[in-house]
N, C-alpha and C. Protein backbone atom coordinates (compact mmCIF):
# COMPACT_ATOMS: atom_id res chain seq x y z
N MET A 1 0.84 -1.19 0.00
CA MET A 1 0.00 0.00 0.00
C MET A 1 0.88 1.24 0.00
N VAL A 2 0.52 2.18 -0.83
CA VAL A 2 1.28 3.41 -0.94
C VAL A 2 0.85 4.36 0.17
N THR A 3 1.84 4.86 0.91
CA THR A 3 1.54 5.79 1.98
C THR A 3 1.86 7.21 1.54
N ARG A 4 1.38 8.12 2.31
CA ARG A 4 1.63 9.53 2.01
C ARG A 4 3.13 9.81 2.05
N ARG A 5 3.81 9.20 3.00
CA ARG A 5 5.25 9.39 3.14
C ARG A 5 5.99 8.90 1.88
N THR A 6 5.56 7.76 1.33
CA THR A 6 6.19 7.22 0.13
C THR A 6 6.00 8.17 -1.05
N VAL A 7 4.80 8.71 -1.18
CA VAL A 7 4.52 9.65 -2.27
C VAL A 7 5.37 10.91 -2.12
N LEU A 8 5.46 11.43 -0.90
CA LEU A 8 6.27 12.62 -0.66
C LEU A 8 7.74 12.36 -0.94
N LYS A 9 8.25 11.21 -0.52
CA LYS A 9 9.65 10.87 -0.80
C LYS A 9 9.90 10.76 -2.29
N ALA A 10 8.99 10.11 -3.01
CA ALA A 10 9.14 9.96 -4.46
C ALA A 10 9.10 11.32 -5.14
N GLY A 11 8.19 12.18 -4.71
CA GLY A 11 8.10 13.52 -5.29
C GLY A 11 9.34 14.34 -5.02
N LEU A 12 9.84 14.28 -3.80
CA LEU A 12 11.05 15.01 -3.44
C LEU A 12 12.25 14.46 -4.20
N GLY A 13 12.34 13.15 -4.26
CA GLY A 13 13.44 12.52 -5.00
C GLY A 13 13.41 12.90 -6.47
N GLY A 14 12.23 12.90 -7.06
CA GLY A 14 12.10 13.28 -8.47
C GLY A 14 12.47 14.74 -8.69
N ALA A 15 12.04 15.61 -7.78
CA ALA A 15 12.36 17.03 -7.91
C ALA A 15 13.86 17.25 -7.81
N VAL A 16 14.50 16.56 -6.87
CA VAL A 16 15.95 16.68 -6.72
C VAL A 16 16.65 16.17 -7.97
N LEU A 17 16.20 15.01 -8.47
CA LEU A 17 16.79 14.43 -9.66
C LEU A 17 16.66 15.37 -10.86
N LEU A 18 15.48 15.94 -11.05
CA LEU A 18 15.28 16.89 -12.15
C LEU A 18 16.17 18.12 -11.99
N ALA A 19 16.25 18.64 -10.77
CA ALA A 19 17.07 19.82 -10.54
C ALA A 19 18.54 19.53 -10.79
N LEU A 20 19.03 18.41 -10.29
CA LEU A 20 20.43 18.04 -10.50
C LEU A 20 20.73 17.79 -11.97
N GLY A 21 19.85 17.07 -12.63
CA GLY A 21 20.07 16.76 -14.04
C GLY A 21 20.06 18.00 -14.91
N SER A 22 19.10 18.89 -14.68
CA SER A 22 19.05 20.09 -15.51
C SER A 22 20.23 21.00 -15.22
N THR A 23 20.66 21.05 -13.96
CA THR A 23 21.84 21.85 -13.62
C THR A 23 23.07 21.27 -14.28
N ALA A 24 23.21 19.94 -14.21
CA ALA A 24 24.36 19.29 -14.85
C ALA A 24 24.35 19.55 -16.35
N ALA A 25 23.17 19.51 -16.95
CA ALA A 25 23.07 19.75 -18.39
C ALA A 25 23.53 21.16 -18.74
N LEU A 26 23.16 22.12 -17.92
CA LEU A 26 23.59 23.49 -18.17
C LEU A 26 25.09 23.64 -17.97
N LEU A 27 25.62 22.98 -16.95
CA LEU A 27 27.04 23.10 -16.64
C LEU A 27 27.94 22.52 -17.73
N ILE A 28 27.49 21.49 -18.38
CA ILE A 28 28.36 20.90 -19.40
C ILE A 28 28.03 21.42 -20.79
N GLY A 29 27.24 22.47 -20.87
CA GLY A 29 27.02 23.16 -22.13
C GLY A 29 26.16 22.42 -23.13
N ARG A 30 25.18 21.71 -22.69
CA ARG A 30 24.31 20.97 -23.60
C ARG A 30 23.42 21.96 -24.35
N ASP A 31 23.01 21.57 -25.53
CA ASP A 31 22.11 22.37 -26.35
C ASP A 31 20.70 21.81 -26.14
N PRO A 32 19.82 22.53 -25.41
CA PRO A 32 18.50 21.97 -25.10
C PRO A 32 17.64 21.70 -26.32
N VAL A 33 17.78 22.51 -27.37
CA VAL A 33 16.99 22.30 -28.59
C VAL A 33 17.44 21.00 -29.27
N ARG A 34 18.73 20.81 -29.36
CA ARG A 34 19.27 19.60 -29.99
C ARG A 34 18.89 18.36 -29.18
N ASP A 35 19.01 18.47 -27.84
CA ASP A 35 18.64 17.34 -26.98
C ASP A 35 17.18 16.97 -27.17
N ARG A 36 16.32 17.97 -27.18
CA ARG A 36 14.89 17.75 -27.32
C ARG A 36 14.58 17.06 -28.65
N GLU A 37 15.17 17.55 -29.71
CA GLU A 37 14.91 16.98 -31.03
C GLU A 37 15.47 15.57 -31.15
N GLN A 38 16.64 15.34 -30.56
CA GLN A 38 17.25 14.01 -30.61
C GLN A 38 16.38 12.98 -29.87
N VAL A 39 15.90 13.34 -28.70
CA VAL A 39 15.06 12.43 -27.92
C VAL A 39 13.73 12.20 -28.66
N LEU A 40 13.12 13.27 -29.14
CA LEU A 40 11.84 13.13 -29.85
C LEU A 40 11.98 12.31 -31.12
N ARG A 41 13.07 12.49 -31.85
CA ARG A 41 13.27 11.73 -33.08
C ARG A 41 13.38 10.23 -32.78
N ALA A 42 13.86 9.87 -31.59
CA ALA A 42 13.91 8.46 -31.19
C ALA A 42 12.55 7.99 -30.68
N LEU A 43 11.82 8.87 -30.01
CA LEU A 43 10.53 8.48 -29.42
C LEU A 43 9.44 8.29 -30.47
N ILE A 44 9.42 9.13 -31.48
CA ILE A 44 8.33 9.11 -32.46
C ILE A 44 8.14 7.74 -33.11
N PRO A 45 9.20 7.09 -33.63
CA PRO A 45 8.98 5.76 -34.24
C PRO A 45 8.52 4.71 -33.23
N ALA A 46 8.94 4.84 -31.98
CA ALA A 46 8.53 3.86 -30.96
C ALA A 46 7.07 4.07 -30.56
N VAL A 47 6.69 5.32 -30.35
CA VAL A 47 5.31 5.62 -29.94
C VAL A 47 4.34 5.30 -31.08
N LEU A 48 4.75 5.60 -32.30
CA LEU A 48 3.87 5.40 -33.46
C LEU A 48 4.15 4.09 -34.19
N ASP A 49 4.80 3.16 -33.52
CA ASP A 49 5.12 1.87 -34.14
C ASP A 49 3.83 1.21 -34.64
N GLY A 50 3.81 0.86 -35.89
CA GLY A 50 2.63 0.26 -36.50
C GLY A 50 1.76 1.27 -37.23
N ALA A 51 1.89 2.54 -36.89
CA ALA A 51 1.10 3.58 -37.56
C ALA A 51 1.90 4.28 -38.66
N LEU A 52 3.22 4.23 -38.55
CA LEU A 52 4.06 4.88 -39.56
C LEU A 52 4.10 4.07 -40.84
N PRO A 53 4.29 4.74 -41.98
CA PRO A 53 4.43 4.01 -43.25
C PRO A 53 5.67 3.11 -43.23
N LEU A 54 5.62 2.02 -43.96
CA LEU A 54 6.76 1.10 -44.02
C LEU A 54 7.81 1.56 -45.03
N ASP A 55 7.37 2.23 -46.09
CA ASP A 55 8.27 2.73 -47.12
C ASP A 55 9.19 3.79 -46.50
N GLU A 56 10.51 3.58 -46.60
CA GLU A 56 11.48 4.42 -45.89
C GLU A 56 11.36 5.92 -46.20
N PRO A 57 11.26 6.36 -47.46
CA PRO A 57 11.12 7.80 -47.69
C PRO A 57 9.84 8.37 -47.06
N GLN A 58 8.74 7.63 -47.17
CA GLN A 58 7.48 8.10 -46.57
C GLN A 58 7.59 8.09 -45.04
N ARG A 59 8.24 7.06 -44.51
CA ARG A 59 8.42 6.95 -43.05
C ARG A 59 9.24 8.14 -42.53
N SER A 60 10.35 8.44 -43.19
CA SER A 60 11.19 9.58 -42.78
C SER A 60 10.43 10.88 -42.86
N ALA A 61 9.65 11.05 -43.92
CA ALA A 61 8.86 12.28 -44.07
C ALA A 61 7.80 12.38 -42.97
N ALA A 62 7.17 11.25 -42.63
CA ALA A 62 6.15 11.25 -41.57
C ALA A 62 6.77 11.56 -40.22
N ILE A 63 7.95 11.00 -39.96
CA ILE A 63 8.63 11.28 -38.69
C ILE A 63 9.02 12.75 -38.61
N SER A 64 9.55 13.30 -39.70
CA SER A 64 9.94 14.72 -39.72
C SER A 64 8.73 15.64 -39.53
N ALA A 65 7.63 15.31 -40.21
CA ALA A 65 6.41 16.13 -40.07
C ALA A 65 5.88 16.07 -38.64
N THR A 66 5.90 14.87 -38.05
CA THR A 66 5.43 14.74 -36.67
C THR A 66 6.35 15.46 -35.71
N LEU A 67 7.65 15.40 -35.96
CA LEU A 67 8.60 16.14 -35.12
C LEU A 67 8.32 17.64 -35.20
N ASN A 68 8.14 18.16 -36.40
CA ASN A 68 7.84 19.59 -36.55
C ASN A 68 6.54 19.97 -35.84
N ASP A 69 5.50 19.15 -36.01
CA ASP A 69 4.22 19.43 -35.35
C ASP A 69 4.35 19.33 -33.83
N THR A 70 5.17 18.40 -33.36
CA THR A 70 5.39 18.25 -31.92
C THR A 70 6.11 19.46 -31.36
N LEU A 71 7.08 19.96 -32.09
CA LEU A 71 7.81 21.15 -31.65
C LEU A 71 6.88 22.37 -31.61
N VAL A 72 5.99 22.48 -32.58
CA VAL A 72 5.00 23.56 -32.56
C VAL A 72 4.10 23.43 -31.32
N ALA A 73 3.66 22.20 -31.04
CA ALA A 73 2.82 21.96 -29.86
C ALA A 73 3.58 22.28 -28.58
N LEU A 74 4.85 21.92 -28.51
CA LEU A 74 5.67 22.24 -27.34
C LEU A 74 5.75 23.74 -27.10
N ASN A 75 5.94 24.48 -28.17
CA ASN A 75 6.05 25.93 -28.05
C ASN A 75 4.74 26.59 -27.63
N ALA A 76 3.63 25.89 -27.78
CA ALA A 76 2.33 26.44 -27.39
C ALA A 76 1.98 26.13 -25.94
N LEU A 77 2.79 25.30 -25.27
CA LEU A 77 2.53 24.95 -23.88
C LEU A 77 2.87 26.11 -22.96
N ALA A 78 2.35 26.03 -21.74
CA ALA A 78 2.65 27.05 -20.74
C ALA A 78 4.15 27.07 -20.45
N PRO A 79 4.71 28.23 -20.15
CA PRO A 79 6.16 28.32 -19.89
C PRO A 79 6.66 27.34 -18.82
N GLU A 80 5.91 27.14 -17.77
CA GLU A 80 6.34 26.21 -16.71
C GLU A 80 6.39 24.78 -17.24
N THR A 81 5.41 24.41 -18.04
CA THR A 81 5.40 23.07 -18.64
C THR A 81 6.57 22.91 -19.59
N GLN A 82 6.87 23.95 -20.35
CA GLN A 82 8.02 23.92 -21.25
C GLN A 82 9.32 23.72 -20.47
N ARG A 83 9.45 24.40 -19.32
CA ARG A 83 10.65 24.25 -18.50
C ARG A 83 10.77 22.83 -17.95
N GLU A 84 9.65 22.27 -17.49
CA GLU A 84 9.69 20.90 -16.96
C GLU A 84 10.06 19.90 -18.05
N LEU A 85 9.50 20.07 -19.24
CA LEU A 85 9.85 19.17 -20.34
C LEU A 85 11.30 19.36 -20.77
N ALA A 86 11.79 20.59 -20.74
CA ALA A 86 13.20 20.84 -21.07
C ALA A 86 14.10 20.11 -20.08
N GLN A 87 13.72 20.10 -18.81
CA GLN A 87 14.49 19.36 -17.80
C GLN A 87 14.45 17.87 -18.08
N LEU A 88 13.30 17.36 -18.44
CA LEU A 88 13.17 15.94 -18.75
C LEU A 88 14.03 15.56 -19.96
N PHE A 89 13.97 16.37 -21.01
CA PHE A 89 14.78 16.10 -22.19
C PHE A 89 16.27 16.18 -21.87
N ALA A 90 16.66 17.14 -21.01
CA ALA A 90 18.07 17.26 -20.61
C ALA A 90 18.51 16.01 -19.86
N LEU A 91 17.67 15.52 -18.96
CA LEU A 91 18.00 14.30 -18.22
C LEU A 91 18.15 13.11 -19.17
N LEU A 92 17.23 12.98 -20.09
CA LEU A 92 17.26 11.85 -21.01
C LEU A 92 18.42 11.96 -22.01
N ALA A 93 18.90 13.16 -22.26
CA ALA A 93 19.98 13.34 -23.23
C ALA A 93 21.36 13.08 -22.63
N LEU A 94 21.50 13.23 -21.32
CA LEU A 94 22.80 12.99 -20.68
C LEU A 94 23.08 11.49 -20.65
N PRO A 95 24.20 11.06 -21.23
CA PRO A 95 24.46 9.61 -21.33
C PRO A 95 24.34 8.82 -20.03
N PRO A 96 24.92 9.27 -18.90
CA PRO A 96 24.79 8.44 -17.69
C PRO A 96 23.34 8.34 -17.20
N LEU A 97 22.63 9.47 -17.27
CA LEU A 97 21.24 9.46 -16.82
C LEU A 97 20.34 8.72 -17.80
N ARG A 98 20.64 8.81 -19.09
CA ARG A 98 19.88 8.04 -20.08
C ARG A 98 19.99 6.55 -19.78
N ARG A 99 21.19 6.11 -19.43
CA ARG A 99 21.39 4.68 -19.12
C ARG A 99 20.64 4.28 -17.86
N VAL A 100 20.72 5.13 -16.82
CA VAL A 100 20.11 4.80 -15.53
C VAL A 100 18.59 4.94 -15.59
N LEU A 101 18.10 6.07 -16.10
CA LEU A 101 16.66 6.34 -16.09
C LEU A 101 15.90 5.59 -17.18
N ALA A 102 16.49 5.54 -18.38
CA ALA A 102 15.77 4.95 -19.51
C ALA A 102 16.24 3.54 -19.85
N GLY A 103 17.42 3.18 -19.37
CA GLY A 103 17.95 1.86 -19.69
C GLY A 103 18.38 1.74 -21.14
N VAL A 104 18.64 2.87 -21.78
CA VAL A 104 19.07 2.88 -23.18
C VAL A 104 20.58 3.13 -23.18
N PRO A 105 21.38 2.11 -23.54
CA PRO A 105 22.83 2.23 -23.43
C PRO A 105 23.51 3.02 -24.56
N VAL A 106 22.80 3.27 -25.64
CA VAL A 106 23.39 3.96 -26.80
C VAL A 106 22.76 5.34 -26.95
N ASN A 107 23.38 6.18 -27.77
CA ASN A 107 22.80 7.50 -28.06
C ASN A 107 21.42 7.32 -28.66
N TRP A 108 20.59 8.34 -28.49
CA TRP A 108 19.22 8.25 -29.00
C TRP A 108 19.19 8.02 -30.51
N ASN A 109 20.12 8.63 -31.24
CA ASN A 109 20.08 8.47 -32.69
C ASN A 109 20.53 7.07 -33.12
N SER A 110 21.10 6.28 -32.20
CA SER A 110 21.49 4.90 -32.49
C SER A 110 20.54 3.88 -31.87
N ALA A 111 19.62 4.34 -31.04
CA ALA A 111 18.71 3.43 -30.33
C ALA A 111 17.70 2.83 -31.30
N SER A 112 17.43 1.54 -31.12
CA SER A 112 16.44 0.86 -31.95
C SER A 112 15.03 1.16 -31.43
N VAL A 113 14.06 0.92 -32.27
CA VAL A 113 12.66 1.09 -31.87
C VAL A 113 12.36 0.18 -30.68
N ALA A 114 12.91 -1.03 -30.69
CA ALA A 114 12.68 -1.97 -29.59
C ALA A 114 13.25 -1.44 -28.27
N GLU A 115 14.45 -0.85 -28.30
CA GLU A 115 15.05 -0.30 -27.08
C GLU A 115 14.22 0.86 -26.53
N VAL A 116 13.77 1.73 -27.41
CA VAL A 116 12.98 2.88 -26.98
C VAL A 116 11.60 2.41 -26.48
N SER A 117 11.02 1.44 -27.16
CA SER A 117 9.72 0.90 -26.72
C SER A 117 9.84 0.25 -25.35
N GLU A 118 10.93 -0.44 -25.11
CA GLU A 118 11.15 -1.07 -23.81
C GLU A 118 11.27 -0.01 -22.71
N PHE A 119 11.99 1.06 -23.01
CA PHE A 119 12.10 2.17 -22.07
C PHE A 119 10.73 2.77 -21.77
N LEU A 120 9.96 3.04 -22.81
CA LEU A 120 8.63 3.62 -22.61
C LEU A 120 7.73 2.70 -21.81
N SER A 121 7.78 1.42 -22.11
CA SER A 121 6.97 0.44 -21.38
C SER A 121 7.36 0.39 -19.91
N SER A 122 8.65 0.48 -19.64
CA SER A 122 9.09 0.43 -18.24
C SER A 122 8.60 1.66 -17.47
N TRP A 123 8.58 2.81 -18.12
CA TRP A 123 8.07 4.01 -17.46
C TRP A 123 6.56 3.96 -17.32
N ARG A 124 5.88 3.37 -18.30
CA ARG A 124 4.42 3.30 -18.25
C ARG A 124 3.95 2.51 -17.04
N THR A 125 4.70 1.49 -16.66
CA THR A 125 4.30 0.62 -15.55
C THR A 125 5.18 0.79 -14.31
N HIS A 126 5.98 1.85 -14.26
CA HIS A 126 6.91 2.06 -13.15
C HIS A 126 6.15 2.30 -11.86
N ARG A 127 6.77 1.92 -10.75
CA ARG A 127 6.12 2.11 -9.45
C ARG A 127 6.09 3.57 -9.02
N LEU A 128 6.99 4.38 -9.57
CA LEU A 128 7.00 5.81 -9.25
C LEU A 128 6.04 6.57 -10.17
N GLY A 129 5.12 7.26 -9.56
CA GLY A 129 4.16 8.04 -10.32
C GLY A 129 4.82 9.12 -11.17
N LEU A 130 5.97 9.62 -10.71
CA LEU A 130 6.68 10.65 -11.47
C LEU A 130 7.07 10.14 -12.85
N LEU A 131 7.59 8.92 -12.92
CA LEU A 131 7.99 8.35 -14.20
C LEU A 131 6.78 7.96 -15.04
N GLN A 132 5.71 7.51 -14.39
CA GLN A 132 4.48 7.21 -15.13
C GLN A 132 3.94 8.50 -15.76
N GLY A 133 3.97 9.58 -15.00
CA GLY A 133 3.51 10.86 -15.52
C GLY A 133 4.37 11.34 -16.68
N ALA A 134 5.69 11.14 -16.56
CA ALA A 134 6.60 11.51 -17.65
C ALA A 134 6.29 10.68 -18.89
N TYR A 135 6.02 9.39 -18.70
CA TYR A 135 5.66 8.54 -19.85
C TYR A 135 4.41 9.10 -20.54
N HIS A 136 3.37 9.38 -19.76
CA HIS A 136 2.12 9.85 -20.36
C HIS A 136 2.33 11.19 -21.08
N GLY A 137 3.13 12.06 -20.50
CA GLY A 137 3.42 13.33 -21.14
C GLY A 137 4.13 13.15 -22.47
N LEU A 138 5.17 12.31 -22.49
CA LEU A 138 5.91 12.06 -23.72
C LEU A 138 5.02 11.39 -24.77
N ASN A 139 4.24 10.43 -24.34
CA ASN A 139 3.35 9.71 -25.26
C ASN A 139 2.34 10.66 -25.88
N GLU A 140 1.69 11.47 -25.08
CA GLU A 140 0.69 12.40 -25.58
C GLU A 140 1.31 13.49 -26.45
N LEU A 141 2.55 13.85 -26.13
CA LEU A 141 3.26 14.86 -26.90
C LEU A 141 3.48 14.41 -28.34
N VAL A 142 3.61 13.10 -28.55
CA VAL A 142 3.81 12.56 -29.90
C VAL A 142 2.48 12.20 -30.55
N ILE A 143 1.60 11.55 -29.82
CA ILE A 143 0.34 11.08 -30.39
C ILE A 143 -0.58 12.24 -30.79
N GLY A 144 -0.61 13.28 -29.98
CA GLY A 144 -1.48 14.43 -30.29
C GLY A 144 -1.21 15.02 -31.66
N PRO A 145 0.02 15.45 -31.93
CA PRO A 145 0.31 16.01 -33.26
C PRO A 145 0.12 15.01 -34.40
N TRP A 146 0.39 13.73 -34.15
CA TRP A 146 0.22 12.73 -35.21
C TRP A 146 -1.24 12.65 -35.64
N TYR A 147 -2.14 12.49 -34.66
CA TYR A 147 -3.55 12.34 -34.99
C TYR A 147 -4.25 13.67 -35.23
N ALA A 148 -3.56 14.78 -35.07
CA ALA A 148 -4.13 16.07 -35.45
C ALA A 148 -4.05 16.27 -36.96
N GLN A 149 -3.23 15.46 -37.62
CA GLN A 149 -3.11 15.55 -39.07
C GLN A 149 -4.31 14.83 -39.71
N PRO A 150 -5.08 15.52 -40.56
CA PRO A 150 -6.28 14.93 -41.15
C PRO A 150 -6.04 13.59 -41.87
N GLY A 151 -4.88 13.37 -42.40
CA GLY A 151 -4.59 12.12 -43.08
C GLY A 151 -4.57 10.91 -42.17
N HIS A 152 -4.53 11.13 -40.86
CA HIS A 152 -4.47 10.02 -39.90
C HIS A 152 -5.79 9.79 -39.17
N TRP A 153 -6.80 10.58 -39.48
CA TRP A 153 -8.08 10.47 -38.78
C TRP A 153 -8.77 9.14 -39.06
N GLU A 154 -8.68 8.66 -40.27
CA GLU A 154 -9.37 7.42 -40.63
C GLU A 154 -8.92 6.25 -39.75
N ALA A 155 -7.65 6.23 -39.37
CA ALA A 155 -7.10 5.13 -38.56
C ALA A 155 -7.77 5.04 -37.19
N ILE A 156 -8.32 6.15 -36.70
CA ILE A 156 -8.97 6.12 -35.40
C ILE A 156 -10.50 6.27 -35.51
N GLY A 157 -11.00 6.18 -36.74
CA GLY A 157 -12.44 6.20 -36.95
C GLY A 157 -13.06 7.58 -36.86
N TYR A 158 -12.26 8.61 -36.99
CA TYR A 158 -12.79 9.98 -36.93
C TYR A 158 -13.06 10.45 -38.35
N ALA A 159 -14.26 10.82 -38.61
CA ALA A 159 -14.68 11.22 -39.96
C ALA A 159 -14.37 12.70 -40.26
N GLY A 160 -13.93 13.44 -39.27
CA GLY A 160 -13.66 14.86 -39.47
C GLY A 160 -14.75 15.70 -38.85
N PRO A 161 -14.56 16.99 -38.87
CA PRO A 161 -15.56 17.87 -38.27
C PRO A 161 -16.88 17.81 -39.04
N PRO A 162 -17.99 17.99 -38.34
CA PRO A 162 -19.30 17.92 -39.01
C PRO A 162 -19.49 19.07 -39.99
């Protein structure tokens, strides 16, 4: 049974981890835009596995379009939410933290869809609510822009606006 004390410890631990990771990212001169795009470019094929076209040129174009739409959606979020996501992307981009938090031993641009899917699955079912929340945020950040494109409405049974 989860107690209030456990929730408070997890929240405090997560806040400390985010603060340390984002501080470390700033100290070593990381580029937050590049980190964000690198992580998202790895997440998109894993989150949309089965929905993306199989033909490589079409697949690359779909991933790029979804990345652009996701970046537009990110920029429309509240400033505090943008800061929290920037901290999350910074944590995931740092090699030691990527290995510990995500279990992905290689750079994001070298990670396979299976490795990224395994990471997402582990966060989806993690005992810490903080990581579950991060999973849902990342997942929705990719799925929203994908299904906002009219060409993908048919796959979810949406006929379009009346």
